[in-house]
């Protein structure tokens, strides 16, 4: 995508993952995920309508769900591959199962979700259902 805030454009892209020949790119300043075909053609957007607030990282699990580290939202937001919101988990805080500025995530080979948090200076591990 080109620089900007229009359809298929990016303004501060950070996280990226590839799943089934689709490229998912977090766009921190446009507050959504842009999805492209592997050839670079824009496909669609995930997270419009205020669902994301500075998304920093993205991953796709074995259930074909898109997980997003929602930095200022202090949660992990989950969407279908087509962009429908499924749920979010965790909330703002400092104790177990709460987030303070999640910045990256990954899914291990068992489906566990690992999340790094800059505000709590830790790595949190969640069951694959959150």
N, C-alpha and C. Protein backbone atom coordinates (compact mmCIF):
# COMPACT_ATOMS: atom_id res chain seq x y z
N UNK A 1 0.80 -1.19 0.00
CA UNK A 1 0.00 0.00 0.00
C UNK A 1 0.85 1.26 0.00
N UNK A 2 0.30 2.30 -0.52
CA UNK A 2 0.96 3.61 -0.51
C UNK A 2 0.69 4.33 0.80
N UNK A 3 1.45 5.40 1.05
CA UNK A 3 1.26 6.19 2.25
C UNK A 3 -0.02 7.00 2.17
N UNK A 4 -0.76 7.02 3.27
CA UNK A 4 -1.96 7.84 3.32
C UNK A 4 -3.02 7.23 4.22
N UNK A 5 -4.21 7.83 4.18
CA UNK A 5 -5.30 7.35 5.02
C UNK A 5 -6.50 6.87 4.20
N UNK A 6 -6.31 6.71 2.91
CA UNK A 6 -7.38 6.22 2.05
C UNK A 6 -7.45 4.71 2.03
N UNK A 7 -8.37 4.18 1.27
CA UNK A 7 -8.55 2.73 1.13
C UNK A 7 -7.27 2.11 0.59
N UNK A 8 -6.75 1.12 1.30
CA UNK A 8 -5.54 0.42 0.86
C UNK A 8 -4.25 1.17 1.13
N UNK A 9 -4.33 2.34 1.77
CA UNK A 9 -3.12 3.10 2.08
C UNK A 9 -2.73 2.87 3.54
N UNK A 10 -1.45 3.10 3.82
CA UNK A 10 -0.92 2.84 5.16
C UNK A 10 -0.30 4.11 5.73
N UNK A 11 -0.49 4.27 7.03
CA UNK A 11 0.09 5.40 7.74
C UNK A 11 0.61 4.87 9.08
N UNK A 12 1.85 4.51 9.11
CA UNK A 12 2.56 3.93 10.25
C UNK A 12 2.26 2.44 10.41
N UNK A 13 2.59 1.65 9.39
CA UNK A 13 2.42 0.19 9.50
C UNK A 13 3.47 -0.39 10.44
N UNK A 14 3.06 -1.36 11.24
CA UNK A 14 3.99 -1.98 12.20
C UNK A 14 4.00 -3.50 12.12
N UNK A 15 2.91 -4.14 12.51
CA UNK A 15 2.87 -5.60 12.54
C UNK A 15 2.45 -6.17 11.21
N UNK A 16 2.93 -7.40 10.95
CA UNK A 16 2.59 -8.05 9.68
C UNK A 16 2.58 -9.56 9.87
N UNK A 17 1.66 -10.21 9.20
CA UNK A 17 1.64 -11.67 9.15
C UNK A 17 1.04 -12.09 7.82
N UNK A 18 1.37 -13.30 7.40
CA UNK A 18 0.85 -13.85 6.15
C UNK A 18 0.06 -15.11 6.48
N UNK A 19 -1.13 -15.23 5.89
CA UNK A 19 -1.97 -16.40 6.12
C UNK A 19 -2.77 -16.67 4.85
N UNK A 20 -2.67 -17.88 4.33
CA UNK A 20 -3.41 -18.29 3.13
C UNK A 20 -3.32 -17.26 2.00
N UNK A 21 -2.11 -16.88 1.66
CA UNK A 21 -1.84 -15.94 0.57
C UNK A 21 -2.44 -14.55 0.78
N UNK A 22 -2.70 -14.19 2.02
CA UNK A 22 -3.14 -12.84 2.35
C UNK A 22 -2.13 -12.23 3.32
N UNK A 23 -1.86 -10.96 3.15
CA UNK A 23 -0.93 -10.23 4.01
C UNK A 23 -1.74 -9.28 4.90
N UNK A 24 -1.61 -9.43 6.21
CA UNK A 24 -2.31 -8.61 7.19
C UNK A 24 -1.31 -7.63 7.78
N UNK A 25 -1.61 -6.34 7.70
CA UNK A 25 -0.69 -5.30 8.15
C UNK A 25 -1.40 -4.39 9.15
N UNK A 26 -0.83 -4.25 10.35
CA UNK A 26 -1.41 -3.30 11.30
C UNK A 26 -1.06 -1.89 10.86
N UNK A 27 -1.99 -0.99 11.04
CA UNK A 27 -1.78 0.42 10.70
C UNK A 27 -2.10 1.24 11.93
N UNK A 28 -1.05 1.60 12.67
CA UNK A 28 -1.22 2.27 13.95
C UNK A 28 -1.99 3.58 13.85
N UNK A 29 -1.66 4.41 12.90
CA UNK A 29 -2.30 5.73 12.81
C UNK A 29 -3.67 5.71 12.15
N UNK A 30 -3.94 4.75 11.27
CA UNK A 30 -5.26 4.63 10.68
C UNK A 30 -6.19 3.74 11.51
N UNK A 31 -5.66 3.12 12.56
CA UNK A 31 -6.44 2.35 13.53
C UNK A 31 -7.19 1.17 12.91
N UNK A 32 -6.52 0.44 12.03
CA UNK A 32 -7.14 -0.75 11.46
C UNK A 32 -6.06 -1.69 10.91
N UNK A 33 -6.52 -2.82 10.38
CA UNK A 33 -5.66 -3.78 9.71
C UNK A 33 -5.99 -3.72 8.23
N UNK A 34 -4.98 -3.52 7.40
CA UNK A 34 -5.18 -3.59 5.96
C UNK A 34 -4.80 -4.98 5.49
N UNK A 35 -5.64 -5.55 4.64
CA UNK A 35 -5.40 -6.90 4.13
C UNK A 35 -5.14 -6.80 2.64
N UNK A 36 -4.05 -7.44 2.20
CA UNK A 36 -3.64 -7.42 0.80
C UNK A 36 -3.48 -8.85 0.30
N UNK A 37 -3.64 -9.04 -1.00
CA UNK A 37 -3.26 -10.31 -1.62
C UNK A 37 -1.73 -10.34 -1.67
N UNK A 38 -1.14 -11.51 -1.79
CA UNK A 38 0.32 -11.61 -1.80
C UNK A 38 0.94 -10.81 -2.94
N UNK A 39 0.21 -10.57 -4.02
CA UNK A 39 0.72 -9.77 -5.12
C UNK A 39 0.67 -8.28 -4.86
N UNK A 40 0.12 -7.87 -3.72
CA UNK A 40 0.08 -6.46 -3.36
C UNK A 40 -1.27 -5.79 -3.54
N UNK A 41 -2.24 -6.47 -4.15
CA UNK A 41 -3.54 -5.86 -4.37
C UNK A 41 -4.30 -5.77 -3.05
N UNK A 42 -4.89 -4.59 -2.80
CA UNK A 42 -5.69 -4.38 -1.61
C UNK A 42 -6.92 -5.29 -1.63
N UNK A 43 -7.24 -5.91 -0.50
CA UNK A 43 -8.40 -6.79 -0.39
C UNK A 43 -9.50 -6.14 0.46
N UNK A 44 -9.21 -5.87 1.72
CA UNK A 44 -10.21 -5.29 2.61
C UNK A 44 -9.56 -4.77 3.89
N UNK A 45 -10.38 -4.18 4.74
CA UNK A 45 -9.93 -3.61 6.00
C UNK A 45 -10.61 -4.32 7.16
N UNK A 46 -9.85 -4.52 8.23
CA UNK A 46 -10.39 -5.11 9.46
C UNK A 46 -10.25 -4.08 10.58
N UNK A 47 -11.31 -3.93 11.36
CA UNK A 47 -11.23 -3.10 12.55
C UNK A 47 -11.71 -1.68 12.39
N UNK A 48 -12.38 -1.39 11.30
CA UNK A 48 -12.94 -0.05 11.16
C UNK A 48 -14.05 0.12 12.18
N UNK A 49 -14.68 1.25 12.23
CA UNK A 49 -15.76 1.56 13.17
C UNK A 49 -15.29 1.65 14.62
N UNK A 50 -14.05 2.08 14.81
CA UNK A 50 -13.56 2.34 16.15
C UNK A 50 -13.24 1.12 16.99
N UNK A 51 -13.14 -0.04 16.38
CA UNK A 51 -12.85 -1.26 17.15
C UNK A 51 -11.40 -1.35 17.59
N UNK A 52 -10.49 -0.65 16.89
CA UNK A 52 -9.07 -0.72 17.23
C UNK A 52 -8.54 0.67 17.56
N UNK A 53 -7.61 0.69 18.51
CA UNK A 53 -7.00 1.94 18.94
C UNK A 53 -5.49 1.74 19.00
N UNK A 54 -4.82 2.11 17.94
CA UNK A 54 -3.37 1.90 17.76
C UNK A 54 -3.00 0.42 17.77
N UNK A 55 -3.47 -0.33 16.78
CA UNK A 55 -3.08 -1.75 16.68
C UNK A 55 -1.60 -1.87 16.33
N UNK A 56 -0.88 -2.70 17.07
CA UNK A 56 0.56 -2.80 16.85
C UNK A 56 1.00 -4.13 16.24
N UNK A 57 0.28 -5.21 16.50
CA UNK A 57 0.71 -6.49 15.96
C UNK A 57 -0.50 -7.34 15.62
N UNK A 58 -0.27 -8.34 14.78
CA UNK A 58 -1.36 -9.16 14.28
C UNK A 58 -0.87 -10.60 14.10
N UNK A 59 -1.78 -11.55 14.34
CA UNK A 59 -1.49 -12.97 14.10
C UNK A 59 -2.79 -13.65 13.71
N UNK A 60 -2.69 -14.81 13.07
CA UNK A 60 -3.87 -15.58 12.69
C UNK A 60 -3.74 -16.96 13.34
N UNK A 61 -4.80 -17.39 14.02
CA UNK A 61 -4.75 -18.68 14.71
C UNK A 61 -5.26 -19.82 13.83
N UNK A 62 -5.26 -21.03 14.39
CA UNK A 62 -5.69 -22.22 13.64
C UNK A 62 -7.18 -22.22 13.33
N UNK A 63 -7.95 -21.39 14.02
CA UNK A 63 -9.38 -21.28 13.75
C UNK A 63 -9.69 -20.19 12.72
N UNK A 64 -8.64 -19.74 12.02
CA UNK A 64 -8.78 -18.68 11.01
C UNK A 64 -9.37 -17.39 11.61
N UNK A 65 -8.91 -17.07 12.80
CA UNK A 65 -9.29 -15.82 13.44
C UNK A 65 -8.07 -14.90 13.48
N UNK A 66 -8.33 -13.61 13.28
CA UNK A 66 -7.28 -12.59 13.28
C UNK A 66 -7.21 -11.99 14.68
N UNK A 67 -6.06 -12.10 15.32
CA UNK A 67 -5.86 -11.55 16.66
C UNK A 67 -5.00 -10.29 16.54
N UNK A 68 -5.40 -9.24 17.24
CA UNK A 68 -4.73 -7.95 17.13
C UNK A 68 -4.35 -7.44 18.51
N UNK A 69 -3.07 -7.06 18.68
CA UNK A 69 -2.62 -6.39 19.90
C UNK A 69 -3.10 -4.94 19.81
N UNK A 70 -4.12 -4.62 20.57
CA UNK A 70 -4.79 -3.32 20.54
C UNK A 70 -4.17 -2.45 21.65
N UNK A 71 -3.12 -1.73 21.30
CA UNK A 71 -2.25 -1.03 22.25
C UNK A 71 -3.00 -0.10 23.20
N UNK A 72 -3.63 0.92 22.68
CA UNK A 72 -4.34 1.86 23.56
C UNK A 72 -5.68 1.32 24.02
N UNK A 73 -6.17 0.26 23.42
CA UNK A 73 -7.38 -0.40 23.88
C UNK A 73 -7.11 -1.37 25.02
N UNK A 74 -5.82 -1.67 25.27
CA UNK A 74 -5.40 -2.58 26.33
C UNK A 74 -6.15 -3.91 26.29
N UNK A 75 -6.20 -4.49 25.09
CA UNK A 75 -6.86 -5.78 24.94
C UNK A 75 -6.33 -6.47 23.68
N UNK A 76 -6.73 -7.71 23.51
CA UNK A 76 -6.54 -8.42 22.26
C UNK A 76 -7.90 -8.49 21.60
N UNK A 77 -8.01 -7.95 20.40
CA UNK A 77 -9.26 -7.99 19.64
C UNK A 77 -9.19 -9.13 18.64
N UNK A 78 -10.30 -9.85 18.48
CA UNK A 78 -10.36 -11.01 17.60
C UNK A 78 -11.43 -10.78 16.53
N UNK A 79 -11.05 -11.06 15.28
CA UNK A 79 -11.92 -10.87 14.13
C UNK A 79 -11.91 -12.13 13.27
N UNK A 80 -12.91 -12.27 12.42
CA UNK A 80 -12.87 -13.30 11.39
C UNK A 80 -11.91 -12.82 10.30
N UNK A 81 -11.54 -13.71 9.39
CA UNK A 81 -10.65 -13.33 8.29
C UNK A 81 -11.26 -12.22 7.43
N UNK A 82 -12.58 -12.18 7.36
CA UNK A 82 -13.27 -11.16 6.56
C UNK A 82 -13.49 -9.86 7.31
N UNK A 83 -13.14 -9.82 8.60
CA UNK A 83 -13.21 -8.57 9.34
C UNK A 83 -14.35 -8.42 10.32
N UNK A 84 -15.16 -9.44 10.51
CA UNK A 84 -16.24 -9.35 11.49
C UNK A 84 -15.66 -9.50 12.90
N UNK A 85 -16.07 -8.61 13.80
CA UNK A 85 -15.57 -8.65 15.17
C UNK A 85 -16.17 -9.86 15.90
N UNK A 86 -15.31 -10.65 16.54
CA UNK A 86 -15.75 -11.82 17.29
C UNK A 86 -15.82 -11.49 18.77
N UNK A 87 -14.72 -11.02 19.33
CA UNK A 87 -14.68 -10.65 20.75
C UNK A 87 -13.35 -9.98 21.05
N UNK A 88 -13.21 -9.53 22.27
CA UNK A 88 -11.93 -9.06 22.75
C UNK A 88 -11.74 -9.67 24.13
N UNK A 89 -10.48 -9.77 24.54
CA UNK A 89 -10.26 -10.26 25.89
C UNK A 89 -9.20 -9.45 26.59
N UNK A 90 -9.29 -9.50 27.90
CA UNK A 90 -8.47 -8.74 28.85
C UNK A 90 -8.98 -7.31 28.91
N UNK A 91 -8.59 -6.63 29.95
CA UNK A 91 -8.94 -5.23 30.13
C UNK A 91 -7.77 -4.53 30.79
N UNK A 92 -7.87 -3.24 30.94
CA UNK A 92 -6.78 -2.45 31.47
C UNK A 92 -6.52 -2.78 32.93
N UNK A 93 -5.23 -2.98 33.24
CA UNK A 93 -4.87 -3.24 34.62
C UNK A 93 -3.46 -3.75 34.77
N UNK A 94 -3.14 -4.15 35.98
CA UNK A 94 -1.78 -4.53 36.31
C UNK A 94 -1.66 -5.95 36.87
N UNK A 95 -2.78 -6.62 37.06
CA UNK A 95 -2.75 -7.97 37.61
C UNK A 95 -2.92 -8.99 36.48
N UNK A 96 -2.88 -10.23 36.85
CA UNK A 96 -3.02 -11.32 35.88
C UNK A 96 -4.30 -11.15 35.06
N UNK A 97 -4.21 -11.48 33.78
CA UNK A 97 -5.32 -11.38 32.83
C UNK A 97 -5.76 -9.95 32.54
N UNK A 98 -4.91 -8.98 32.85
CA UNK A 98 -5.15 -7.58 32.50
C UNK A 98 -3.94 -7.07 31.74
N UNK A 99 -4.18 -6.09 30.87
CA UNK A 99 -3.10 -5.55 30.04
C UNK A 99 -2.81 -4.10 30.36
N UNK A 100 -1.57 -3.74 30.15
CA UNK A 100 -1.15 -2.35 30.17
C UNK A 100 -0.24 -2.16 28.96
N UNK A 101 -0.81 -1.71 27.87
CA UNK A 101 -0.11 -1.43 26.61
C UNK A 101 0.50 -2.67 25.95
N UNK A 102 -0.35 -3.58 25.46
CA UNK A 102 0.17 -4.75 24.72
C UNK A 102 0.79 -4.31 23.40
N UNK A 103 2.02 -4.80 23.13
CA UNK A 103 2.71 -4.33 21.92
C UNK A 103 2.93 -5.41 20.87
N UNK A 104 3.02 -6.67 21.28
CA UNK A 104 3.18 -7.70 20.26
C UNK A 104 2.54 -8.99 20.75
N UNK A 105 2.27 -9.86 19.79
CA UNK A 105 1.70 -11.16 20.13
C UNK A 105 2.14 -12.19 19.12
N UNK A 106 2.09 -13.43 19.55
CA UNK A 106 2.35 -14.55 18.66
C UNK A 106 1.53 -15.72 19.17
N UNK A 107 1.38 -16.72 18.34
CA UNK A 107 0.65 -17.94 18.70
C UNK A 107 1.62 -19.09 18.56
N UNK A 108 1.79 -19.87 19.63
CA UNK A 108 2.76 -20.98 19.56
C UNK A 108 2.13 -22.19 18.89
N UNK A 109 2.91 -23.26 18.77
CA UNK A 109 2.45 -24.43 18.02
C UNK A 109 1.32 -25.18 18.72
N UNK A 110 1.04 -24.86 19.98
CA UNK A 110 -0.07 -25.47 20.70
C UNK A 110 -1.31 -24.57 20.71
N UNK A 111 -1.19 -23.39 20.13
CA UNK A 111 -2.31 -22.46 20.07
C UNK A 111 -2.34 -21.44 21.19
N UNK A 112 -1.40 -21.52 22.13
CA UNK A 112 -1.36 -20.53 23.20
C UNK A 112 -0.99 -19.16 22.62
N UNK A 113 -1.58 -18.13 23.20
CA UNK A 113 -1.35 -16.76 22.75
C UNK A 113 -0.38 -16.09 23.72
N UNK A 114 0.76 -15.64 23.20
CA UNK A 114 1.77 -14.96 24.01
C UNK A 114 1.74 -13.49 23.66
N UNK A 115 1.66 -12.64 24.69
CA UNK A 115 1.52 -11.20 24.49
C UNK A 115 2.58 -10.48 25.32
N UNK A 116 3.31 -9.56 24.68
CA UNK A 116 4.23 -8.72 25.44
C UNK A 116 3.53 -7.40 25.75
N UNK A 117 3.80 -6.90 26.95
CA UNK A 117 3.19 -5.64 27.40
C UNK A 117 4.28 -4.69 27.84
N UNK A 118 4.28 -3.50 27.29
CA UNK A 118 5.30 -2.53 27.69
C UNK A 118 4.99 -1.90 29.03
N UNK A 119 3.71 -1.72 29.36
CA UNK A 119 3.34 -1.09 30.62
C UNK A 119 3.52 -1.97 31.83
N UNK A 120 3.35 -3.28 31.65
CA UNK A 120 3.52 -4.21 32.77
C UNK A 120 4.87 -4.92 32.72
N UNK A 121 5.66 -4.65 31.69
CA UNK A 121 7.00 -5.25 31.56
C UNK A 121 6.97 -6.77 31.73
N UNK A 122 6.11 -7.41 30.97
CA UNK A 122 6.00 -8.87 31.08
C UNK A 122 5.51 -9.50 29.79
N UNK A 123 5.57 -10.82 29.77
CA UNK A 123 4.96 -11.61 28.71
C UNK A 123 3.83 -12.39 29.37
N UNK A 124 2.64 -12.27 28.83
CA UNK A 124 1.47 -12.99 29.36
C UNK A 124 1.13 -14.11 28.38
N UNK A 125 0.68 -15.23 28.93
CA UNK A 125 0.31 -16.40 28.11
C UNK A 125 -1.15 -16.72 28.38
N UNK A 126 -1.90 -16.88 27.28
CA UNK A 126 -3.32 -17.15 27.36
C UNK A 126 -3.66 -18.43 26.61
N UNK A 127 -4.70 -19.12 27.08
CA UNK A 127 -5.24 -20.27 26.39
C UNK A 127 -5.70 -19.82 25.01
N UNK A 128 -5.78 -20.72 24.06
CA UNK A 128 -6.10 -20.33 22.69
C UNK A 128 -7.46 -19.67 22.54
N UNK A 129 -8.35 -19.79 23.50
CA UNK A 129 -9.64 -19.11 23.46
C UNK A 129 -9.61 -17.76 24.15
N UNK A 130 -8.42 -17.36 24.63
CA UNK A 130 -8.28 -16.09 25.32
C UNK A 130 -8.56 -16.25 26.78
